[in-house]
Amino acid sequence: MPQVILRPLVLLLLTLCGSGAIAQQALPSLRSMGNDHFDVVGLHLRSVSYVNELCEFSIQIAERYLPTKGLAFPSNILISLRPEAHVDFEGDYRIRIAERGSVQVDLLWEDSMTLERTCYAISEALLVQYAIYNYGIEAPNQLRSWTIAALANDVYLTLRPAEFADLLKAAQETEVSELNEILEPSRSGLAVPSAAGYWLLQTMKSGSLERPVFRSLFQQAIAGIDIEEALATALWASQPTAELLPVQTWWEQQLSLIFGQEYEVVETMEVSREWLATLGRFDTRLNLESQEASEELKLDLRAIWTHRANSEVQELVQARYEILRLRLARINPAYYNPAHSLGVLFESILNDESAHKYLHSLTIYLSDWFDAKEMQESLENILN
């Protein structure tokens, strides 16, 4: 058995024995799986595989806000899936900091443990380990709790996009919180309402802040910094000619804009995949009249570039481009990137760009398409 698998097995057995949970009993047969950031141990392979996939997906979401270098932990986070008989803590999970700053998570692994709470536990453990690795062993005590809520909800809603409507409705019916009440609490203190951090992240993303800026603000909050002053500075820098508003006013205005939008029902991954595949499949046969003879043309993504000047080809591409733009708001988040890159591909045909640029756009689209299909398979493994 590889050492990377053996270590978490031994650690879990030691903690179980130390708690007396399996004293004078035969040791259970444990299963273990791991990835680049987590080791997962439990009694049932299906559960272990489920949580392992969920951990990998959580890392993909976290990389939107955290640099890869900062996630290069010296040791993996250990997650132990514990049935109720082997639980000696309150609540549905516990996070412990072990030797050399490594993080261990004990999950109450019963039917009562929801996907939402599992996402929260994984997200908290990930940010605690990130804080220790990048800011020191005491950093988790100062870690701002809104970042945990933001990441956990981002992971959960990406997996369950239909739940966004309920979260939005609840937020619309609740009085807007004071921004400082969200920014100030640390992980060691009073936790913020679970949705508040998520809406804060959405306001920063939907506002005028550039991506590197809100990523920096997110990382500062993990380091324990109250970002209110830095946020005000960033807002002023992004719109130097606009009226300088108090951060609380900006917060309320951004929430009003987000809550006031009409959100289309998000499609399932399968529906988006099939529709996008049809839209990007140029297997249409066109009968083109030439001076010499009638020619039947079979199009595909490569041949269409050669015939881009043909009026029928232009009309076909223009029609698909308009359909794509109209439906983009409803497409499942898993297929947003290939949908966007397909739109860029259509634009390169309509704008008669160079062959080099067209091939570059085609390469990006195909790469995004295969990445999305792999993500769908990963998500289906998690949810099945």
Protein backbone atom coordinates (compact mmCIF):
# COMPACT_ATOMS: atom_id res chain seq x y z
CA MET A 1 0.00 0.00 0.00
CA PRO A 2 1.47 3.41 -0.96
CA GLN A 3 2.69 5.56 1.90
CA VAL A 4 0.36 8.42 0.95
CA ILE A 5 -2.61 6.12 1.54
CA LEU A 6 -1.16 4.42 4.62
CA ARG A 7 -0.60 7.63 6.59
CA PRO A 8 -4.26 8.77 6.77
CA LEU A 9 -5.36 5.23 7.58
CA VAL A 10 -2.98 5.07 10.52
CA LEU A 11 -3.94 8.54 11.72
CA LEU A 12 -7.64 7.76 11.71
CA LEU A 13 -7.13 4.45 13.51
CA LEU A 14 -5.05 6.20 16.16
CA THR A 15 -7.67 8.89 16.71
CA LEU A 16 -10.45 6.32 16.91
CA CYS A 17 -8.49 4.24 19.38
CA GLY A 18 -7.52 7.30 21.38
CA SER A 19 -11.15 8.34 21.76
CA GLY A 20 -12.14 4.86 22.89
CA ALA A 21 -14.60 4.63 20.02
CA ILE A 22 -13.44 1.17 18.99
CA ALA A 23 -11.73 0.00 22.16
CA GLN A 24 -11.80 -3.74 22.57
CA GLN A 25 -13.43 -4.11 19.16
CA ALA A 26 -12.10 -5.36 15.87
CA LEU A 27 -10.70 -2.53 13.74
CA PRO A 28 -13.07 -1.64 10.92
CA SER A 29 -12.01 -2.04 7.32
CA LEU A 30 -11.16 1.48 6.21
CA ARG A 31 -11.13 2.90 2.70
CA SER A 32 -8.93 5.78 1.58
CA MET A 33 -8.60 8.02 -1.45
CA GLY A 34 -6.57 11.13 -2.05
CA ASN A 35 -5.85 13.98 -4.44
CA ASP A 36 -3.37 16.86 -4.55
CA HIS A 37 -4.87 18.62 -1.51
CA PHE A 38 -6.99 16.14 0.50
CA ASP A 39 -6.85 12.61 1.89
CA VAL A 40 -10.28 11.11 2.62
CA VAL A 41 -10.80 8.13 4.91
CA GLY A 42 -14.01 6.27 5.71
CA LEU A 43 -15.71 2.92 6.03
CA HIS A 44 -17.40 2.85 2.62
CA LEU A 45 -15.68 3.32 -0.72
CA ARG A 46 -18.65 5.10 -2.31
CA SER A 47 -18.72 7.75 0.44
CA VAL A 48 -14.95 8.19 0.33
CA SER A 49 -15.03 8.58 -3.46
CA TYR A 50 -17.93 11.05 -3.21
CA VAL A 51 -16.13 13.31 -0.75
CA ASN A 52 -12.85 13.00 -2.64
CA GLU A 53 -14.53 14.21 -5.84
CA LEU A 54 -16.22 17.01 -3.92
CA CYS A 55 -12.87 18.10 -2.50
CA GLU A 56 -11.31 18.21 -5.96
CA PHE A 57 -14.21 20.27 -7.27
CA SER A 58 -13.93 22.66 -4.29
CA ILE A 59 -10.29 23.26 -5.20
CA GLN A 60 -11.34 24.17 -8.75
CA ILE A 61 -13.73 26.81 -7.38
CA ALA A 62 -11.18 28.08 -4.83
CA GLU A 63 -8.64 28.65 -7.60
CA ARG A 64 -10.90 31.42 -8.89
CA TYR A 65 -9.85 33.46 -5.84
CA LEU A 66 -6.60 31.94 -4.60
CA PRO A 67 -3.22 31.61 -6.37
CA THR A 68 -2.03 28.10 -7.17
CA LYS A 69 1.26 28.76 -5.41
CA GLY A 70 -0.59 29.55 -2.18
CA LEU A 71 -2.43 26.22 -2.40
CA ALA A 72 0.75 24.13 -2.59
CA PHE A 73 0.36 22.80 0.95
CA PRO A 74 3.22 20.71 2.38
CA SER A 75 0.75 18.07 3.57
CA ASN A 76 -2.78 17.14 2.60
CA ILE A 77 -5.88 17.96 4.61
CA LEU A 78 -7.15 14.76 6.24
CA ILE A 79 -10.93 14.20 6.18
CA SER A 80 -12.35 11.38 8.30
CA LEU A 81 -15.91 10.24 7.58
CA ARG A 82 -17.22 9.08 10.94
CA PRO A 83 -20.49 7.25 11.61
CA GLU A 84 -22.33 8.50 14.69
CA ALA A 85 -20.97 5.68 16.87
CA HIS A 86 -17.45 7.04 16.32
CA VAL A 87 -18.24 10.73 16.93
CA ASP A 88 -17.03 12.49 20.08
CA PHE A 89 -17.76 16.10 19.07
CA GLU A 90 -20.81 18.36 18.82
CA GLY A 91 -22.25 19.49 15.51
CA ASP A 92 -21.84 17.89 12.11
CA TYR A 93 -18.08 18.43 11.74
CA ARG A 94 -14.94 19.38 13.63
CA ILE A 95 -11.70 20.93 12.37
CA ARG A 96 -8.45 20.33 14.22
CA ILE A 97 -4.94 21.63 13.65
CA ALA A 98 -2.42 18.83 14.10
CA GLU A 99 1.36 18.77 14.18
CA ARG A 100 3.28 21.00 11.78
CA GLY A 101 0.13 22.95 10.99
CA SER A 102 -1.67 20.15 9.16
CA VAL A 103 -5.47 20.27 9.20
CA GLN A 104 -7.76 17.38 10.08
CA VAL A 105 -11.54 17.30 9.58
CA ASP A 106 -13.96 14.93 11.26
CA LEU A 107 -17.32 14.70 9.48
CA LEU A 108 -20.43 13.18 11.04
CA TRP A 109 -21.19 10.87 8.14
CA GLU A 110 -24.89 10.07 8.47
CA ASP A 111 -27.96 10.73 6.31
CA SER A 112 -28.43 14.03 8.15
CA MET A 113 -25.18 15.40 6.68
CA THR A 114 -26.25 17.49 3.69
CA LEU A 115 -24.28 18.43 0.60
CA GLU A 116 -24.48 22.09 1.67
CA ARG A 117 -22.91 21.41 5.07
CA THR A 118 -20.28 19.15 3.52
CA CYS A 119 -19.30 21.98 1.16
CA TYR A 120 -19.05 24.29 4.17
CA ALA A 121 -16.80 21.89 6.09
CA ILE A 122 -14.49 21.36 3.13
CA SER A 123 -14.32 25.10 2.38
CA GLU A 124 -13.53 26.00 5.98
CA ALA A 125 -10.81 23.35 6.19
CA LEU A 126 -9.30 24.54 2.91
CA LEU A 127 -9.19 28.19 3.99
CA VAL A 128 -7.82 27.28 7.43
CA GLN A 129 -5.00 25.32 5.78
CA TYR A 130 -4.43 28.17 3.31
CA ALA A 131 -4.21 30.67 6.18
CA ILE A 132 -1.70 28.53 8.10
CA TYR A 133 0.48 27.89 5.07
CA ASN A 134 0.55 31.50 3.90
CA TYR A 135 0.14 33.57 7.08
CA GLY A 136 1.24 31.45 10.04
CA ILE A 137 -0.05 29.01 12.63
CA GLU A 138 -2.18 31.63 14.43
CA ALA A 139 -3.80 32.92 11.23
CA PRO A 140 -6.94 30.71 11.38
CA ASN A 141 -8.07 32.57 14.51
CA GLN A 142 -8.12 35.83 12.54
CA LEU A 143 -9.49 34.38 9.30
CA ARG A 144 -12.59 36.42 8.42
CA SER A 145 -15.60 34.14 8.48
CA TRP A 146 -17.32 35.75 5.49
CA THR A 147 -14.71 34.19 3.20
CA ILE A 148 -15.74 30.70 4.33
CA ALA A 149 -19.40 31.43 3.65
CA ALA A 150 -18.51 32.90 0.26
CA LEU A 151 -16.49 29.91 -0.91
CA ALA A 152 -18.87 27.30 0.55
CA ASN A 153 -21.92 28.82 -1.14
CA ASP A 154 -20.04 29.28 -4.40
CA VAL A 155 -19.17 25.57 -4.43
CA TYR A 156 -22.66 24.48 -3.40
CA LEU A 157 -24.56 26.67 -5.86
CA THR A 158 -22.30 25.59 -8.72
CA LEU A 159 -23.30 22.02 -7.93
CA ARG A 160 -26.94 22.90 -7.27
CA PRO A 161 -27.70 26.00 -9.41
CA ALA A 162 -31.45 25.57 -8.91
CA GLU A 163 -30.96 26.45 -5.22
CA PHE A 164 -29.91 29.99 -6.20
CA ALA A 165 -33.56 31.02 -6.56
CA ASP A 166 -34.31 30.13 -2.93
CA LEU A 167 -31.18 31.90 -1.68
CA LEU A 168 -32.07 34.98 -3.71
CA LYS A 169 -35.67 35.02 -2.44
CA ALA A 170 -34.51 34.76 1.16
CA ALA A 171 -32.06 37.63 0.67
CA GLN A 172 -34.69 39.82 -0.99
CA GLU A 173 -36.99 39.34 2.01
CA THR A 174 -34.30 40.12 4.59
CA GLU A 175 -33.17 43.55 5.72
CA VAL A 176 -29.76 44.49 4.33
CA SER A 177 -27.00 43.92 6.89
CA GLU A 178 -24.47 46.55 7.85
CA LEU A 179 -21.35 45.82 5.84
CA ASN A 180 -19.04 46.14 8.85
CA GLU A 181 -21.07 43.43 10.62
CA ILE A 182 -20.12 41.10 7.77
CA LEU A 183 -16.49 42.17 7.36
CA GLU A 184 -15.42 42.22 11.02
CA PRO A 185 -16.18 38.77 12.53
CA SER A 186 -13.32 36.31 12.50
CA ARG A 187 -13.57 32.54 12.45
CA SER A 188 -12.82 32.42 16.19
CA GLY A 189 -15.64 34.83 16.95
CA LEU A 190 -19.27 35.15 15.93
CA ALA A 191 -19.97 33.61 12.53
CA VAL A 192 -21.75 35.73 9.94
CA PRO A 193 -25.03 34.50 8.39
CA SER A 194 -24.12 31.85 5.84
CA ALA A 195 -25.35 33.79 2.80
CA ALA A 196 -23.87 37.20 3.66
CA GLY A 197 -20.33 36.36 2.60
CA TYR A 198 -21.59 34.95 -0.69
CA TRP A 199 -23.49 38.16 -1.51
CA LEU A 200 -20.45 40.24 -0.58
CA LEU A 201 -18.35 38.25 -3.03
CA GLN A 202 -21.02 38.67 -5.72
CA THR A 203 -21.18 42.45 -5.22
CA MET A 204 -17.41 42.72 -5.65
CA LYS A 205 -17.52 40.54 -8.77
CA SER A 206 -20.49 42.33 -10.33
CA GLY A 207 -19.23 45.82 -9.59
CA SER A 208 -16.46 47.75 -11.27
CA LEU A 209 -13.61 45.92 -9.53
CA GLU A 210 -11.21 44.05 -11.76
CA ARG A 211 -10.59 40.38 -11.05
CA PRO A 212 -7.09 40.82 -9.54
CA VAL A 213 -8.51 43.40 -7.16
CA PHE A 214 -11.31 41.34 -5.66
CA ARG A 215 -8.99 38.32 -5.54
CA SER A 216 -6.57 40.43 -3.49
CA LEU A 217 -9.38 41.56 -1.17
CA PHE A 218 -10.46 37.95 -0.66
CA GLN A 219 -6.91 36.90 0.24
CA GLN A 220 -6.48 39.84 2.61
CA ALA A 221 -9.61 38.75 4.47
CA ILE A 222 -8.20 35.23 4.82
CA ALA A 223 -5.12 36.84 6.36
CA GLY A 224 -7.40 38.42 8.96
CA ILE A 225 -7.56 41.94 7.55
CA ASP A 226 -10.74 44.01 7.73
CA ILE A 227 -10.98 45.00 4.06
CA GLU A 228 -13.42 47.91 4.42
CA GLU A 229 -10.76 50.59 3.90
CA ALA A 230 -9.05 48.65 1.10
CA LEU A 231 -12.43 48.09 -0.56
CA ALA A 232 -13.19 51.83 -0.44
CA THR A 233 -9.80 52.61 -1.98
CA ALA A 234 -10.32 50.02 -4.73
CA LEU A 235 -13.78 51.39 -5.54
CA TRP A 236 -12.43 54.93 -5.82
CA ALA A 237 -9.54 53.77 -8.03
CA SER A 238 -11.91 51.90 -10.34
CA GLN A 239 -14.11 54.97 -10.90
CA PRO A 240 -11.98 58.06 -10.15
CA THR A 241 -14.38 60.44 -11.91
CA ALA A 242 -17.50 59.17 -10.15
CA GLU A 243 -18.94 60.46 -6.90
CA LEU A 244 -17.12 58.86 -3.95
CA LEU A 245 -19.80 56.95 -2.06
CA PRO A 246 -19.52 55.48 1.43
CA VAL A 247 -18.83 51.74 1.25
CA GLN A 248 -22.16 50.98 2.95
CA THR A 249 -24.01 52.95 0.25
CA TRP A 250 -22.11 51.07 -2.46
CA TRP A 251 -22.97 47.76 -0.76
CA GLU A 252 -26.69 48.59 -0.64
CA GLN A 253 -26.73 49.80 -4.24
CA GLN A 254 -24.94 46.72 -5.54
CA LEU A 255 -27.29 44.41 -3.66
CA SER A 256 -30.26 46.31 -5.06
CA LEU A 257 -28.92 45.79 -8.59
CA ILE A 258 -28.30 42.08 -8.02
CA PHE A 259 -31.64 41.47 -6.32
CA GLY A 260 -33.51 43.51 -8.93
CA GLN A 261 -32.37 41.46 -11.91
CA GLU A 262 -34.56 38.86 -13.54
CA TYR A 263 -32.82 35.52 -13.44
CA GLU A 264 -33.70 32.86 -15.94
CA VAL A 265 -34.05 29.30 -14.81
CA VAL A 266 -30.68 27.65 -15.31
CA GLU A 267 -30.69 24.63 -17.57
CA THR A 268 -29.44 21.23 -16.51
CA MET A 269 -25.95 20.29 -17.65
CA GLU A 270 -27.32 17.67 -20.02
CA VAL A 271 -29.69 20.11 -21.73
CA SER A 272 -26.94 22.72 -22.12
CA ARG A 273 -24.51 20.11 -23.40
CA GLU A 274 -26.87 18.76 -26.06
CA TRP A 275 -27.95 22.22 -27.19
CA LEU A 276 -24.39 23.53 -27.40
CA ALA A 277 -23.26 20.41 -29.25
CA THR A 278 -26.01 20.97 -31.83
CA LEU A 279 -25.15 24.64 -32.18
CA GLY A 280 -21.47 23.91 -32.75
CA ARG A 281 -22.04 20.98 -35.10
CA PHE A 282 -21.73 22.28 -38.67
CA ASP A 283 -22.82 19.17 -40.52
CA THR A 284 -25.37 21.04 -42.62
CA ARG A 285 -25.33 20.36 -46.37
CA LEU A 286 -25.77 23.41 -48.55
CA ASN A 287 -26.45 23.36 -52.29
CA LEU A 288 -24.32 26.12 -53.74
CA GLU A 289 -24.76 27.25 -57.33
CA SER A 290 -21.44 27.85 -59.07
CA GLN A 291 -20.84 29.09 -62.60
CA GLU A 292 -19.94 25.61 -63.80
CA ALA A 293 -22.17 23.23 -61.84
CA SER A 294 -24.28 22.70 -58.81
CA GLU A 295 -22.09 21.85 -55.82
CA GLU A 296 -23.21 20.22 -52.57
CA LEU A 297 -21.18 21.52 -49.65
CA LYS A 298 -20.85 19.67 -46.35
CA LEU A 299 -19.74 22.00 -43.58
CA ASP A 300 -17.83 21.30 -40.40
CA LEU A 301 -15.91 23.54 -37.99
CA ARG A 302 -12.84 23.52 -40.23
CA ALA A 303 -14.46 23.64 -43.67
CA ILE A 304 -16.71 26.52 -42.74
CA TRP A 305 -13.72 28.87 -42.62
CA THR A 306 -12.90 28.18 -46.26
CA HIS A 307 -16.46 29.10 -47.30
CA ARG A 308 -16.97 32.01 -44.89
CA ALA A 309 -17.51 34.49 -47.74
CA ASN A 310 -20.54 32.59 -49.04
CA SER A 311 -23.77 34.43 -48.22
CA GLU A 312 -25.59 31.27 -47.10
CA VAL A 313 -22.75 30.39 -44.75
CA GLN A 314 -22.77 33.92 -43.35
CA GLU A 315 -26.53 33.74 -42.74
CA LEU A 316 -26.23 30.36 -41.03
CA VAL A 317 -23.45 31.52 -38.70
CA GLN A 318 -25.19 34.84 -37.97
CA ALA A 319 -28.40 33.01 -37.01
CA ARG A 320 -26.59 30.68 -34.66
CA TYR A 321 -24.63 33.55 -33.15
CA GLU A 322 -27.85 35.42 -32.34
CA ILE A 323 -29.43 32.30 -30.81
CA LEU A 324 -26.34 31.77 -28.69
CA ARG A 325 -26.43 35.35 -27.38
CA LEU A 326 -30.12 35.08 -26.49
CA ARG A 327 -29.76 31.83 -24.60
CA LEU A 328 -26.40 32.41 -22.92
CA ALA A 329 -28.04 33.63 -19.68
CA ARG A 330 -29.81 30.29 -19.23
CA ILE A 331 -26.92 27.95 -19.95
CA ASN A 332 -25.63 25.81 -17.12
CA PRO A 333 -22.51 27.31 -15.49
CA ALA A 334 -20.56 24.15 -16.34
CA TYR A 335 -20.95 24.97 -20.05
CA TYR A 336 -20.59 28.75 -19.91
CA ASN A 337 -16.93 28.79 -21.00
CA PRO A 338 -17.42 26.69 -24.17
CA ALA A 339 -20.56 28.70 -24.99
CA HIS A 340 -18.59 31.94 -24.71
CA SER A 341 -15.68 30.62 -26.77
CA LEU A 342 -18.12 29.34 -29.42
CA GLY A 343 -19.47 32.88 -29.66
CA VAL A 344 -15.92 34.16 -30.20
CA LEU A 345 -15.48 31.53 -32.90
CA PHE A 346 -18.65 32.72 -34.65
CA GLU A 347 -17.42 36.32 -34.44
CA SER A 348 -14.13 35.39 -36.11
CA ILE A 349 -16.11 33.96 -39.06
CA LEU A 350 -18.49 36.91 -39.31
CA ASN A 351 -15.67 39.47 -38.98
CA ASP A 352 -13.51 37.68 -41.57
CA GLU A 353 -10.50 37.54 -39.28
CA SER A 354 -7.23 35.89 -40.25
CA ALA A 355 -6.91 32.11 -40.49
CA HIS A 356 -4.45 32.21 -37.60
CA LYS A 357 -6.98 33.92 -35.30
CA TYR A 358 -9.72 31.55 -36.40
CA LEU A 359 -7.62 28.48 -35.63
CA HIS A 360 -6.73 30.00 -32.25
CA SER A 361 -10.43 30.52 -31.46
CA LEU A 362 -11.23 27.00 -32.63
CA THR A 363 -8.52 25.53 -30.39
CA ILE A 364 -9.85 27.42 -27.35
CA TYR A 365 -13.43 26.33 -28.06
CA LEU A 366 -12.50 22.66 -28.40
CA SER A 367 -10.42 22.82 -25.22
CA ASP A 368 -13.27 24.46 -23.27
CA TRP A 369 -15.73 21.92 -24.66
CA PHE A 370 -13.72 18.91 -23.52
CA ASP A 371 -13.03 20.55 -20.12
CA ALA A 372 -16.76 21.11 -19.62
CA LYS A 373 -17.59 17.50 -20.49
CA GLU A 374 -14.99 16.29 -18.00
CA MET A 375 -16.43 18.61 -15.35
CA GLN A 376 -19.94 17.24 -16.01
CA GLU A 377 -18.72 13.69 -15.58
CA SER A 378 -16.98 14.70 -12.35
CA LEU A 379 -20.11 16.41 -10.99
CA GLU A 380 -22.29 13.45 -11.92
CA ASN A 381 -19.91 11.16 -10.03
CA ILE A 382 -20.29 13.43 -6.99
CA LEU A 383 -24.07 13.65 -7.12
CA ASN A 384 -24.86 10.05 -8.02
